[in-house]
Amino acid sequence: MFKNPVLVEVTRGDHVESVHRGAFIIVDGEGKTVREAGDSAQPVFPRSAVKAIQALPLIETGAADAYGLTDAELALACASHTGEVQHTELAAKMLARAGLDHTALECGTHWPSNHDATVALARSGQNPNALHNNCSGKHSGFLCVCCHAGIDHHGYVGYGHPLQEMIRGTMQEVTEARHDESNAAIDGCVIPTYAVPLKNLGTGFARMVTGNGLAPQRAAAAKRLMAACMAHPFNVAGSDRACTRLMEVAPGRIFVKTGAEGVFCAAVPELGYAIALKCDDGASRAADVAIAALLASLFKDDAKVSSRLSALATVAVKNRPGDTVGEIRAAGAIA
């Protein structure tokens, strides 16, 4: 894993100051490799990058329709949001439709990752609750599934809970990778996460946008979730986040979802391609640049979109007064 090629470099002046190694793979709708670098067979924890796959039961059980969830709410169910007011209010509405409130969430509590939202919350004299957790939308979706299916929602985050068994089976079928106790660990929001190869993650998301290899009902559910995310990128991430910016470059044409520790999954529906990426050192600054550069390469025949993506694939390094003194840029196996 740690012998992967350089994907991103950081310069200061005319010199390379740091490098970030990693691996990526681009897969088509038939599961064939289009391009790759590094070890795509090395299992990695995708963390939040697979939330759209984890949300499939929300559609497939009928919970989304039973509770009248909008596309904006479906996007939030696939989100790692920044805890802004729009996010927390929407998560609360999702819970209310299932007859619950934030006390049912078992994802834990943290301050909003958005600076302005944190300042506003603190100035109001309030403390954060579980709605401010970046995963509250996903967990609200989980709770909707439980309530609609008549499953006791208490302890829904546990490995042995019926909801997690449902999600585990879904993940395994979509990615064709083993999901069991042998490769399980605990994610930041308490639910299980599973170490699977990048190849399988890429295959899973290629299936999500093409429907290839999926039963008709699942293919329709996948298409609906992916479309909801692309239509509401702010709900998937938030202000000034890479996922938001990248999907806004070409509305309805790009899906991206980051995960902790330098993971990204992405898809381009019109091509039927998906990308799975992992930066070895877990640096989000590198993953953001790498995924933008890879997407730019896929849109090489669309100069406008490719140019805008390429601009996001180079980030200025600034000193304290704000002068540009270097850059973070795609390199090596990507450049």
C-alpha atoms as a PDB file:
ATOM      1  CA  MET A   1       0.000   0.000   0.000  1.00  0.00           C
ATOM      2  CA  PHE A   2       2.749   2.430   0.891  1.00  0.00           C
ATOM      3  CA  LYS A   3       4.800   1.688  -2.241  1.00  0.00           C
ATOM      4  CA  ASN A   4       2.204   3.252  -4.497  1.00  0.00           C
ATOM      5  CA  PRO A   5       3.245   5.920  -7.034  1.00  0.00           C
ATOM      6  CA  VAL A   6       3.190   9.652  -6.456  1.00  0.00           C
ATOM      7  CA  LEU A   7      -0.195  11.121  -7.361  1.00  0.00           C
ATOM      8  CA  VAL A   8       0.157  14.661  -6.024  1.00  0.00           C
ATOM      9  CA  GLU A   9       3.067  16.938  -5.216  1.00  0.00           C
ATOM     10  CA  VAL A  10       3.343  20.128  -3.195  1.00  0.00           C
ATOM     11  CA  THR A  11       5.752  22.805  -4.310  1.00  0.00           C
ATOM     12  CA  ARG A  12       7.303  25.764  -2.570  1.00  0.00           C
ATOM     13  CA  GLY A  13       8.949  28.120  -4.995  1.00  0.00           C
ATOM     14  CA  ASP A  14      10.570  26.018  -7.702  1.00  0.00           C
ATOM     15  CA  HIS A  15      11.068  22.994  -5.474  1.00  0.00           C
ATOM     16  CA  VAL A  16       8.900  20.017  -4.613  1.00  0.00           C
ATOM     17  CA  GLU A  17       8.469  20.127  -0.858  1.00  0.00           C
ATOM     18  CA  SER A  18       6.174  17.135  -0.301  1.00  0.00           C
ATOM     19  CA  VAL A  19       4.585  14.278  -2.239  1.00  0.00           C
ATOM     20  CA  HIS A  20       1.477  12.178  -1.727  1.00  0.00           C
ATOM     21  CA  ARG A  21       1.415   8.581  -2.909  1.00  0.00           C
ATOM     22  CA  GLY A  22      -1.662   6.536  -3.623  1.00  0.00           C
ATOM     23  CA  ALA A  23      -3.626   4.356  -5.979  1.00  0.00           C
ATOM     24  CA  PHE A  24      -6.629   4.810  -8.243  1.00  0.00           C
ATOM     25  CA  ILE A  25      -8.651   2.856 -10.746  1.00  0.00           C
ATOM     26  CA  ILE A  26     -11.174   3.868 -13.407  1.00  0.00           C
ATOM     27  CA  VAL A  27     -13.703   1.148 -14.222  1.00  0.00           C
ATOM     28  CA  ASP A  28     -16.347   0.948 -16.950  1.00  0.00           C
ATOM     29  CA  GLY A  29     -19.879  -0.394 -16.719  1.00  0.00           C
ATOM     30  CA  GLU A  30     -18.730  -3.889 -17.634  1.00  0.00           C
ATOM     31  CA  GLY A  31     -16.260  -3.925 -14.764  1.00  0.00           C
ATOM     32  CA  LYS A  32     -13.271  -3.555 -17.064  1.00  0.00           C
ATOM     33  CA  THR A  33     -10.307  -1.418 -16.064  1.00  0.00           C
ATOM     34  CA  VAL A  34      -9.975   1.746 -18.141  1.00  0.00           C
ATOM     35  CA  ARG A  35      -6.943   3.147 -16.337  1.00  0.00           C
ATOM     36  CA  GLU A  36      -5.183   2.523 -13.053  1.00  0.00           C
ATOM     37  CA  ALA A  37      -2.078   3.244 -11.051  1.00  0.00           C
ATOM     38  CA  GLY A  38      -0.851   1.706  -7.856  1.00  0.00           C
ATOM     39  CA  ASP A  39      -2.303  -1.310  -6.078  1.00  0.00           C
ATOM     40  CA  SER A  40      -6.048  -1.383  -6.780  1.00  0.00           C
ATOM     41  CA  ALA A  41      -6.323  -4.803  -5.130  1.00  0.00           C
ATOM     42  CA  GLN A  42      -5.192  -3.490  -1.743  1.00  0.00           C
ATOM     43  CA  PRO A  43      -8.182  -3.374   0.643  1.00  0.00           C
ATOM     44  CA  VAL A  44      -9.001   0.099   1.936  1.00  0.00           C
ATOM     45  CA  PHE A  45     -11.710   1.443   4.202  1.00  0.00           C
ATOM     46  CA  PRO A  46     -13.943   3.564   1.939  1.00  0.00           C
ATOM     47  CA  ARG A  47     -15.542   5.231   4.954  1.00  0.00           C
ATOM     48  CA  SER A  48     -18.113   7.822   3.867  1.00  0.00           C
ATOM     49  CA  ALA A  49     -17.377   7.469   0.146  1.00  0.00           C
ATOM     50  CA  VAL A  50     -19.922   4.622  -0.116  1.00  0.00           C
ATOM     51  CA  LYS A  51     -22.895   6.357   1.488  1.00  0.00           C
ATOM     52  CA  ALA A  52     -24.899   6.281  -1.746  1.00  0.00           C
ATOM     53  CA  ILE A  53     -24.648   2.476  -1.796  1.00  0.00           C
ATOM     54  CA  GLN A  54     -25.532   2.304   1.905  1.00  0.00           C
ATOM     55  CA  ALA A  55     -28.646   4.371   1.118  1.00  0.00           C
ATOM     56  CA  LEU A  56     -30.065   1.862  -1.372  1.00  0.00           C
ATOM     57  CA  PRO A  57     -32.309   0.185   1.255  1.00  0.00           C
ATOM     58  CA  LEU A  58     -33.950   3.570   1.849  1.00  0.00           C
ATOM     59  CA  ILE A  59     -35.384   3.308  -1.666  1.00  0.00           C
ATOM     60  CA  GLU A  60     -35.677  -0.461  -1.977  1.00  0.00           C
ATOM     61  CA  THR A  61     -37.717  -0.986   1.206  1.00  0.00           C
ATOM     62  CA  GLY A  62     -40.192   1.689   0.142  1.00  0.00           C
ATOM     63  CA  ALA A  63     -39.290   3.916   3.088  1.00  0.00           C
ATOM     64  CA  ALA A  64     -38.388   6.922   0.921  1.00  0.00           C
ATOM     65  CA  ASP A  65     -41.751   6.890  -0.813  1.00  0.00           C
ATOM     66  CA  ALA A  66     -43.710   6.044   2.334  1.00  0.00           C
ATOM     67  CA  TYR A  67     -42.298   9.123   4.063  1.00  0.00           C
ATOM     68  CA  GLY A  68     -42.402  11.309   0.961  1.00  0.00           C
ATOM     69  CA  LEU A  69     -38.681  12.031   0.974  1.00  0.00           C
ATOM     70  CA  THR A  70     -37.624  14.626  -1.594  1.00  0.00           C
ATOM     71  CA  ASP A  71     -34.530  14.454  -3.795  1.00  0.00           C
ATOM     72  CA  ALA A  72     -32.941  17.022  -1.484  1.00  0.00           C
ATOM     73  CA  GLU A  73     -33.465  14.647   1.445  1.00  0.00           C
ATOM     74  CA  LEU A  74     -32.208  11.652  -0.513  1.00  0.00           C
ATOM     75  CA  ALA A  75     -29.041  13.600  -1.267  1.00  0.00           C
ATOM     76  CA  LEU A  76     -28.636  14.316   2.446  1.00  0.00           C
ATOM     77  CA  ALA A  77     -28.971  10.582   3.143  1.00  0.00           C
ATOM     78  CA  CYS A  78     -25.811  10.151   1.032  1.00  0.00           C
ATOM     79  CA  ALA A  79     -23.993  13.115   2.586  1.00  0.00           C
ATOM     80  CA  SER A  80     -21.041  14.062   4.718  1.00  0.00           C
ATOM     81  CA  HIS A  81     -22.387  17.525   5.385  1.00  0.00           C
ATOM     82  CA  THR A  82     -20.853  20.521   7.106  1.00  0.00           C
ATOM     83  CA  GLY A  83     -23.527  21.042   9.749  1.00  0.00           C
ATOM     84  CA  GLU A  84     -24.953  24.191   8.218  1.00  0.00           C
ATOM     85  CA  VAL A  85     -28.525  25.163   9.077  1.00  0.00           C
ATOM     86  CA  GLN A  86     -29.888  23.821   5.798  1.00  0.00           C
ATOM     87  CA  HIS A  87     -28.399  20.424   6.613  1.00  0.00           C
ATOM     88  CA  THR A  88     -29.548  20.142  10.214  1.00  0.00           C
ATOM     89  CA  GLU A  89     -33.074  21.338   9.459  1.00  0.00           C
ATOM     90  CA  LEU A  90     -33.438  18.843   6.622  1.00  0.00           C
ATOM     91  CA  ALA A  91     -32.180  15.947   8.759  1.00  0.00           C
ATOM     92  CA  ALA A  92     -34.669  16.925  11.462  1.00  0.00           C
ATOM     93  CA  LYS A  93     -37.489  16.876   8.896  1.00  0.00           C
ATOM     94  CA  MET A  94     -36.489  13.398   7.759  1.00  0.00           C
ATOM     95  CA  LEU A  95     -36.609  12.141  11.332  1.00  0.00           C
ATOM     96  CA  ALA A  96     -39.938  13.846  12.001  1.00  0.00           C
ATOM     97  CA  ARG A  97     -41.497  12.004   9.079  1.00  0.00           C
ATOM     98  CA  ALA A  98     -40.625   8.759  10.842  1.00  0.00           C
ATOM     99  CA  GLY A  99     -41.964  10.088  14.146  1.00  0.00           C
ATOM    100  CA  LEU A 100     -38.513  10.611  15.657  1.00  0.00           C
ATOM    101  CA  ASP A 101     -36.195  13.442  16.655  1.00  0.00           C
ATOM    102  CA  HIS A 102     -32.437  13.915  17.035  1.00  0.00           C
ATOM    103  CA  THR A 103     -32.327  11.858  20.240  1.00  0.00           C
ATOM    104  CA  ALA A 104     -32.816   8.715  18.140  1.00  0.00           C
ATOM    105  CA  LEU A 105     -29.544   9.324  16.290  1.00  0.00           C
ATOM    106  CA  GLU A 106     -26.648   7.144  17.475  1.00  0.00           C
ATOM    107  CA  CYS A 107     -23.922   8.742  15.338  1.00  0.00           C
ATOM    108  CA  GLY A 108     -22.458  10.922  18.079  1.00  0.00           C
ATOM    109  CA  THR A 109     -22.117  14.692  18.279  1.00  0.00           C
ATOM    110  CA  HIS A 110     -19.534  17.188  17.085  1.00  0.00           C
ATOM    111  CA  TRP A 111     -19.418  20.850  16.206  1.00  0.00           C
ATOM    112  CA  PRO A 112     -20.227  21.722  12.589  1.00  0.00           C
ATOM    113  CA  SER A 113     -17.237  21.424  10.290  1.00  0.00           C
ATOM    114  CA  ASN A 114     -18.314  24.667   8.635  1.00  0.00           C
ATOM    115  CA  HIS A 115     -16.615  27.544  10.471  1.00  0.00           C
ATOM    116  CA  ASP A 116     -19.465  30.024  10.102  1.00  0.00           C
ATOM    117  CA  ALA A 117     -22.006  27.473  11.308  1.00  0.00           C
ATOM    118  CA  THR A 118     -19.890  26.741  14.381  1.00  0.00           C
ATOM    119  CA  VAL A 119     -19.498  30.439  15.192  1.00  0.00           C
ATOM    120  CA  ALA A 120     -23.223  31.071  14.776  1.00  0.00           C
ATOM    121  CA  LEU A 121     -24.103  28.116  16.993  1.00  0.00           C
ATOM    122  CA  ALA A 122     -21.666  29.203  19.694  1.00  0.00           C
ATOM    123  CA  ARG A 123     -22.837  32.823  19.589  1.00  0.00           C
ATOM    124  CA  SER A 124     -26.408  31.667  20.066  1.00  0.00           C
ATOM    125  CA  GLY A 125     -25.340  29.991  23.300  1.00  0.00           C
ATOM    126  CA  GLN A 126     -26.242  26.538  22.012  1.00  0.00           C
ATOM    127  CA  ASN A 127     -24.243  23.337  21.987  1.00  0.00           C
ATOM    128  CA  PRO A 128     -24.221  20.974  19.004  1.00  0.00           C
ATOM    129  CA  ASN A 129     -26.376  17.869  18.957  1.00  0.00           C
ATOM    130  CA  ALA A 130     -26.331  14.787  16.751  1.00  0.00           C
ATOM    131  CA  LEU A 131     -27.968  16.692  13.882  1.00  0.00           C
ATOM    132  CA  HIS A 132     -24.686  18.590  13.478  1.00  0.00           C
ATOM    133  CA  ASN A 133     -22.779  15.350  12.948  1.00  0.00           C
ATOM    134  CA  ASN A 134     -21.684  15.188   9.314  1.00  0.00           C
ATOM    135  CA  CYS A 135     -23.400  11.785   9.031  1.00  0.00           C
ATOM    136  CA  SER A 136     -26.778  12.783  10.467  1.00  0.00           C
ATOM    137  CA  GLY A 137     -28.456  12.657   7.062  1.00  0.00           C
ATOM    138  CA  LYS A 138     -27.270   9.102   6.467  1.00  0.00           C
ATOM    139  CA  HIS A 139     -28.372   8.056   9.940  1.00  0.00           C
ATOM    140  CA  SER A 140     -31.743   9.749   9.496  1.00  0.00           C
ATOM    141  CA  GLY A 141     -32.173   7.627   6.385  1.00  0.00           C
ATOM    142  CA  PHE A 142     -31.212   4.532   8.362  1.00  0.00           C
ATOM    143  CA  LEU A 143     -33.843   5.327  10.970  1.00  0.00           C
ATOM    144  CA  CYS A 144     -36.482   5.844   8.281  1.00  0.00           C
ATOM    145  CA  VAL A 145     -35.732   2.342   6.989  1.00  0.00           C
ATOM    146  CA  CYS A 146     -36.058   0.860  10.467  1.00  0.00           C
ATOM    147  CA  CYS A 147     -39.345   2.580  11.231  1.00  0.00           C
ATOM    148  CA  HIS A 148     -40.911   1.768   7.879  1.00  0.00           C
ATOM    149  CA  ALA A 149     -39.795  -1.878   8.017  1.00  0.00           C
ATOM    150  CA  GLY A 150     -40.983  -2.324  11.591  1.00  0.00           C
ATOM    151  CA  ILE A 151     -37.473  -2.944  12.903  1.00  0.00           C
ATOM    152  CA  ASP A 152     -36.590  -1.783  16.419  1.00  0.00           C
ATOM    153  CA  HIS A 153     -34.245   1.116  15.712  1.00  0.00           C
ATOM    154  CA  HIS A 154     -32.435   0.989  19.044  1.00  0.00           C
ATOM    155  CA  GLY A 155     -28.834  -0.093  18.499  1.00  0.00           C
ATOM    156  CA  TYR A 156     -29.184   0.275  14.723  1.00  0.00           C
ATOM    157  CA  VAL A 157     -25.461   1.050  14.426  1.00  0.00           C
ATOM    158  CA  GLY A 158     -24.350  -2.346  15.710  1.00  0.00           C
ATOM    159  CA  TYR A 159     -22.831  -5.013  13.476  1.00  0.00           C
ATOM    160  CA  GLY A 160     -25.529  -7.552  14.364  1.00  0.00           C
ATOM    161  CA  HIS A 161     -28.527  -5.230  13.988  1.00  0.00           C
ATOM    162  CA  PRO A 162     -30.927  -6.199  11.164  1.00  0.00           C
ATOM    163  CA  LEU A 163     -30.357  -2.837   9.475  1.00  0.00           C
ATOM    164  CA  GLN A 164     -26.594  -3.363   9.322  1.00  0.00           C
ATOM    165  CA  GLU A 165     -27.146  -6.888   8.029  1.00  0.00           C
ATOM    166  CA  MET A 166     -29.287  -5.373   5.261  1.00  0.00           C
ATOM    167  CA  ILE A 167     -26.639  -2.775   4.421  1.00  0.00           C
ATOM    168  CA  ARG A 168     -23.866  -5.346   4.534  1.00  0.00           C
ATOM    169  CA  GLY A 169     -25.696  -7.579   2.076  1.00  0.00           C
ATOM    170  CA  THR A 170     -26.367  -4.641  -0.228  1.00  0.00           C
ATOM    171  CA  MET A 171     -22.740  -3.525  -0.184  1.00  0.00           C
ATOM    172  CA  GLN A 172     -21.528  -7.030  -0.893  1.00  0.00           C
ATOM    173  CA  GLU A 173     -23.892  -7.520  -3.835  1.00  0.00           C
ATOM    174  CA  VAL A 174     -23.119  -4.155  -5.446  1.00  0.00           C
ATOM    175  CA  THR A 175     -19.322  -4.287  -5.055  1.00  0.00           C
ATOM    176  CA  GLU A 176     -18.854  -8.079  -5.196  1.00  0.00           C
ATOM    177  CA  ALA A 177     -16.459  -7.739  -2.267  1.00  0.00           C
ATOM    178  CA  ARG A 178     -16.681  -9.658   0.992  1.00  0.00           C
ATOM    179  CA  HIS A 179     -18.295  -7.697   3.845  1.00  0.00           C
ATOM    180  CA  ASP A 180     -18.096  -9.614   7.122  1.00  0.00           C
ATOM    181  CA  GLU A 181     -16.374  -9.643  10.481  1.00  0.00           C
ATOM    182  CA  SER A 182     -13.044 -10.530   8.888  1.00  0.00           C
ATOM    183  CA  ASN A 183     -12.703  -7.097   7.242  1.00  0.00           C
ATOM    184  CA  ALA A 184     -14.920  -4.984   9.495  1.00  0.00           C
ATOM    185  CA  ALA A 185     -13.974  -2.080  11.733  1.00  0.00           C
ATOM    186  CA  ILE A 186     -15.886   0.823  13.290  1.00  0.00           C
ATOM    187  CA  ASP A 187     -16.381   4.070  11.380  1.00  0.00           C
ATOM    188  CA  GLY A 188     -16.341   7.519  12.949  1.00  0.00           C
ATOM    189  CA  CYS A 189     -20.145   7.590  13.082  1.00  0.00           C
ATOM    190  CA  VAL A 190     -20.153   4.210  14.892  1.00  0.00           C
ATOM    191  CA  ILE A 191     -21.495   1.960  12.102  1.00  0.00           C
ATOM    192  CA  PRO A 192     -19.351  -0.836  10.655  1.00  0.00           C
ATOM    193  CA  THR A 193     -16.998  -0.064   7.780  1.00  0.00           C
ATOM    194  CA  TYR A 194     -15.343  -2.722   5.641  1.00  0.00           C
ATOM    195  CA  ALA A 195     -11.920  -2.842   3.981  1.00  0.00           C
ATOM    196  CA  VAL A 196     -12.416  -3.696   0.300  1.00  0.00           C
ATOM    197  CA  PRO A 197     -10.236  -3.287  -2.825  1.00  0.00           C
ATOM    198  CA  LEU A 198     -10.428  -0.100  -4.874  1.00  0.00           C
ATOM    199  CA  LYS A 199     -11.279  -2.271  -7.889  1.00  0.00           C
ATOM    200  CA  ASN A 200     -14.490  -3.372  -6.204  1.00  0.00           C
ATOM    201  CA  LEU A 201     -15.399   0.152  -5.167  1.00  0.00           C
ATOM    202  CA  GLY A 202     -14.944   1.341  -8.728  1.00  0.00           C
ATOM    203  CA  THR A 203     -17.024  -1.559 -10.016  1.00  0.00           C
ATOM    204  CA  GLY A 204     -19.757  -0.784  -7.514  1.00  0.00           C
ATOM    205  CA  PHE A 205     -20.104   2.828  -8.572  1.00  0.00           C
ATOM    206  CA  ALA A 206     -19.925   1.966 -12.257  1.00  0.00           C
ATOM    207  CA  ARG A 207     -22.892  -0.292 -11.584  1.00  0.00           C
ATOM    208  CA  MET A 208     -24.652   2.484  -9.688  1.00  0.00           C
ATOM    209  CA  VAL A 209     -24.625   4.747 -12.767  1.00  0.00           C
ATOM    210  CA  THR A 210     -25.115   2.116 -15.494  1.00  0.00           C
ATOM    211  CA  GLY A 211     -27.321  -0.417 -13.730  1.00  0.00           C
ATOM    212  CA  ASN A 212     -25.175  -3.195 -15.194  1.00  0.00           C
ATOM    213  CA  GLY A 213     -25.153  -6.274 -12.990  1.00  0.00           C
ATOM    214  CA  LEU A 214     -27.992  -4.948 -10.823  1.00  0.00           C
ATOM    215  CA  ALA A 215     -31.569  -6.193 -10.639  1.00  0.00           C
ATOM    216  CA  PRO A 216     -34.026  -3.730 -12.249  1.00  0.00           C
ATOM    217  CA  GLN A 217     -35.392  -2.479  -8.918  1.00  0.00           C
ATOM    218  CA  ARG A 218     -31.897  -1.868  -7.563  1.00  0.00           C
ATOM    219  CA  ALA A 219     -30.732  -0.226 -10.786  1.00  0.00           C
ATOM    220  CA  ALA A 220     -33.693   2.182 -10.576  1.00  0.00           C
ATOM    221  CA  ALA A 221     -32.945   2.926  -6.915  1.00  0.00           C
ATOM    222  CA  ALA A 222     -29.287   3.561  -7.710  1.00  0.00           C
ATOM    223  CA  LYS A 223     -30.153   5.906 -10.572  1.00  0.00           C
ATOM    224  CA  ARG A 224     -32.548   7.827  -8.336  1.00  0.00           C
ATOM    225  CA  LEU A 225     -29.986   8.294  -5.570  1.00  0.00           C
ATOM    226  CA  MET A 226     -27.182   9.306  -7.910  1.00  0.00           C
ATOM    227  CA  ALA A 227     -29.461  11.799  -9.685  1.00  0.00           C
ATOM    228  CA  ALA A 228     -30.545  13.267  -6.344  1.00  0.00           C
ATOM    229  CA  CYS A 229     -26.931  13.787  -5.283  1.00  0.00           C
ATOM    230  CA  MET A 230     -25.986  15.435  -8.570  1.00  0.00           C
ATOM    231  CA  ALA A 231     -29.040  17.703  -8.381  1.00  0.00           C
ATOM    232  CA  HIS A 232     -28.260  18.778  -4.793  1.00  0.00           C
ATOM    233  CA  PRO A 233     -24.469  18.875  -4.367  1.00  0.00           C
ATOM    234  CA  PHE A 234     -24.683  21.314  -1.452  1.00  0.00           C
ATOM    235  CA  ASN A 235     -26.682  18.753   0.508  1.00  0.00           C
ATOM    236  CA  VAL A 236     -24.048  16.093  -0.198  1.00  0.00           C
ATOM    237  CA  ALA A 237     -21.260  18.230   1.242  1.00  0.00           C
ATOM    238  CA  GLY A 238     -21.723  21.954   1.953  1.00  0.00           C
ATOM    239  CA  SER A 239     -20.139  25.322   1.412  1.00  0.00           C
ATOM    240  CA  ASP A 240     -16.665  25.334  -0.167  1.00  0.00           C
ATOM    241  CA  ARG A 241     -16.319  21.545  -0.143  1.00  0.00           C
ATOM    242  CA  ALA A 242     -14.644  19.596  -2.922  1.00  0.00           C
ATOM    243  CA  CYS A 243     -17.689  17.393  -3.565  1.00  0.00           C
ATOM    244  CA  THR A 244     -19.911  20.444  -3.934  1.00  0.00           C
ATOM    245  CA  ARG A 245     -17.510  22.314  -6.223  1.00  0.00           C
ATOM    246  CA  LEU A 246     -16.819  19.334  -8.463  1.00  0.00           C
ATOM    247  CA  MET A 247     -20.466  18.429  -9.005  1.00  0.00           C
ATOM    248  CA  GLU A 248     -21.336  22.061  -9.665  1.00  0.00           C
ATOM    249  CA  VAL A 249     -18.824  22.161 -12.541  1.00  0.00           C
ATOM    250  CA  ALA A 250     -21.113  20.031 -14.713  1.00  0.00           C
ATOM    251  CA  PRO A 251     -24.554  19.664 -13.093  1.00  0.00           C
ATOM    252  CA  GLY A 252     -26.031  16.224 -13.567  1.00  0.00           C
ATOM    253  CA  ARG A 253     -22.890  14.897 -15.245  1.00  0.00           C
ATOM    254  CA  ILE A 254     -20.532  14.254 -12.315  1.00  0.00           C
ATOM    255  CA  PHE A 255     -21.040  12.347  -9.068  1.00  0.00           C
ATOM    256  CA  VAL A 256     -18.358  12.493  -6.392  1.00  0.00           C
ATOM    257  CA  LYS A 257     -18.238  11.470  -2.759  1.00  0.00           C
ATOM    258  CA  THR A 258     -15.300  11.734  -0.438  1.00  0.00           C
ATOM    259  CA  GLY A 259     -14.476   9.508   2.477  1.00  0.00           C
ATOM    260  CA  ALA A 260     -12.156  10.067   5.414  1.00  0.00           C
ATOM    261  CA  GLU A 261      -8.436   9.322   5.125  1.00  0.00           C
ATOM    262  CA  GLY A 262      -7.943  10.365   1.509  1.00  0.00           C
ATOM    263  CA  VAL A 263     -10.605   8.257  -0.217  1.00  0.00           C
ATOM    264  CA  PHE A 264     -12.790   9.364  -3.130  1.00  0.00           C
ATOM    265  CA  CYS A 265     -15.337   7.613  -5.292  1.00  0.00           C
ATOM    266  CA  ALA A 266     -16.705   9.280  -8.404  1.00  0.00           C
ATOM    267  CA  ALA A 267     -18.734   8.483 -11.501  1.00  0.00           C
ATOM    268  CA  VAL A 268     -19.492   9.992 -14.882  1.00  0.00           C
ATOM    269  CA  PRO A 269     -22.893   8.616 -15.959  1.00  0.00           C
ATOM    270  CA  GLU A 270     -22.625   9.604 -19.626  1.00  0.00           C
ATOM    271  CA  LEU A 271     -19.457   7.525 -19.953  1.00  0.00           C
ATOM    272  CA  GLY A 272     -20.496   4.761 -17.593  1.00  0.00           C
ATOM    273  CA  TYR A 273     -17.157   5.181 -15.815  1.00  0.00           C
ATOM    274  CA  ALA A 274     -16.413   5.233 -12.104  1.00  0.00           C
ATOM    275  CA  ILE A 275     -13.275   6.146 -10.162  1.00  0.00           C
ATOM    276  CA  ALA A 276     -12.023   4.868  -6.818  1.00  0.00           C
ATOM    277  CA  LEU A 277      -9.041   6.617  -5.257  1.00  0.00           C
ATOM    278  CA  LYS A 278      -7.015   6.348  -2.057  1.00  0.00           C
ATOM    279  CA  CYS A 279      -4.135   8.567  -0.929  1.00  0.00           C
ATOM    280  CA  ASP A 280      -1.818   6.504   1.235  1.00  0.00           C
ATOM    281  CA  ASP A 281      -1.238   9.182   3.850  1.00  0.00           C
ATOM    282  CA  GLY A 282      -4.934  10.011   4.186  1.00  0.00           C
ATOM    283  CA  ALA A 283      -4.466  13.623   3.135  1.00  0.00           C
ATOM    284  CA  SER A 284      -7.655  15.241   1.899  1.00  0.00           C
ATOM    285  CA  ARG A 285      -5.675  18.029   0.214  1.00  0.00           C
ATOM    286  CA  ALA A 286      -4.144  15.412  -2.050  1.00  0.00           C
ATOM    287  CA  ALA A 287      -7.328  13.440  -2.640  1.00  0.00           C
ATOM    288  CA  ASP A 288      -9.231  16.593  -3.646  1.00  0.00           C
ATOM    289  CA  VAL A 289      -6.608  17.468  -6.255  1.00  0.00           C
ATOM    290  CA  ALA A 290      -6.226  13.913  -7.531  1.00  0.00           C
ATOM    291  CA  ILE A 291      -9.943  13.320  -8.118  1.00  0.00           C
ATOM    292  CA  ALA A 292     -10.301  16.672  -9.895  1.00  0.00           C
ATOM    293  CA  ALA A 293      -7.395  15.832 -12.213  1.00  0.00           C
ATOM    294  CA  LEU A 294      -8.783  12.380 -13.017  1.00  0.00           C
ATOM    295  CA  LEU A 295     -12.216  13.805 -13.770  1.00  0.00           C
ATOM    296  CA  ALA A 296     -10.634  16.464 -15.999  1.00  0.00           C
ATOM    297  CA  SER A 297      -8.995  13.694 -18.005  1.00  0.00           C
ATOM    298  CA  LEU A 298     -12.360  11.990 -18.537  1.00  0.00           C
ATOM    299  CA  PHE A 299     -13.840  15.228 -19.908  1.00  0.00           C
ATOM    300  CA  LYS A 300     -10.974  15.911 -22.299  1.00  0.00           C
ATOM    301  CA  ASP A 301     -13.446  16.161 -25.191  1.00  0.00           C
ATOM    302  CA  ASP A 302     -15.386  18.918 -23.407  1.00  0.00           C
ATOM    303  CA  ALA A 303     -12.929  21.803 -23.181  1.00  0.00           C
ATOM    304  CA  LYS A 304     -15.066  23.963 -20.913  1.00  0.00           C
ATOM    305  CA  VAL A 305     -15.707  21.288 -18.306  1.00  0.00           C
ATOM    306  CA  SER A 306     -12.172  19.914 -18.502  1.00  0.00           C
ATOM    307  CA  SER A 307     -10.729  23.404 -17.998  1.00  0.00           C
ATOM    308  CA  ARG A 308     -12.848  24.062 -14.930  1.00  0.00           C
ATOM    309  CA  LEU A 309     -11.941  20.693 -13.431  1.00  0.00           C
ATOM    310  CA  SER A 310      -8.259  21.259 -14.169  1.00  0.00           C
ATOM    311  CA  ALA A 311      -8.465  24.569 -12.323  1.00  0.00           C
ATOM    312  CA  LEU A 312      -9.673  22.668  -9.247  1.00  0.00           C
ATOM    313  CA  ALA A 313      -6.766  20.241  -9.662  1.00  0.00           C
ATOM    314  CA  THR A 314      -4.248  22.952  -8.814  1.00  0.00           C
ATOM    315  CA  VAL A 315      -4.452  24.646  -5.420  1.00  0.00           C
ATOM    316  CA  ALA A 316      -2.329  27.611  -4.390  1.00  0.00           C
ATOM    317  CA  VAL A 317      -0.060  27.338  -1.375  1.00  0.00           C
ATOM    318  CA  LYS A 318      -0.105  30.686   0.417  1.00  0.00           C
ATOM    319  CA  ASN A 319       1.898  32.258   3.201  1.00  0.00           C
ATOM    320  CA  ARG A 320       0.328  34.099   6.139  1.00  0.00           C
ATOM    321  CA  PRO A 321      -0.053  37.451   4.347  1.00  0.00           C
ATOM    322  CA  GLY A 322      -1.816  35.611   1.503  1.00  0.00           C
ATOM    323  CA  ASP A 323       0.914  35.545  -1.121  1.00  0.00           C
ATOM    324  CA  THR A 324       1.090  32.488  -3.400  1.00  0.00           C
ATOM    325  CA  VAL A 325       4.349  30.681  -2.689  1.00  0.00           C
ATOM    326  CA  GLY A 326       3.715  27.288  -4.276  1.00  0.00           C
ATOM    327  CA  GLU A 327       0.991  24.904  -5.359  1.00  0.00           C
ATOM    328  CA  ILE A 328      -0.584  21.516  -4.792  1.00  0.00           C
ATOM    329  CA  ARG A 329      -0.858  19.766  -8.151  1.00  0.00           C
ATOM    330  CA  ALA A 330      -1.409  16.422  -9.828  1.00  0.00           C
ATOM    331  CA  ALA A 331       1.847  14.635 -10.578  1.00  0.00           C
ATOM    332  CA  GLY A 332       3.421  11.342 -11.509  1.00  0.00           C
ATOM    333  CA  ALA A 333       0.811   8.716 -12.296  1.00  0.00           C
ATOM    334  CA  ILE A 334      -1.975  11.269 -12.842  1.00  0.00           C
ATOM    335  CA  ALA A 335      -0.300  14.209 -14.576  1.00  0.00           C
END
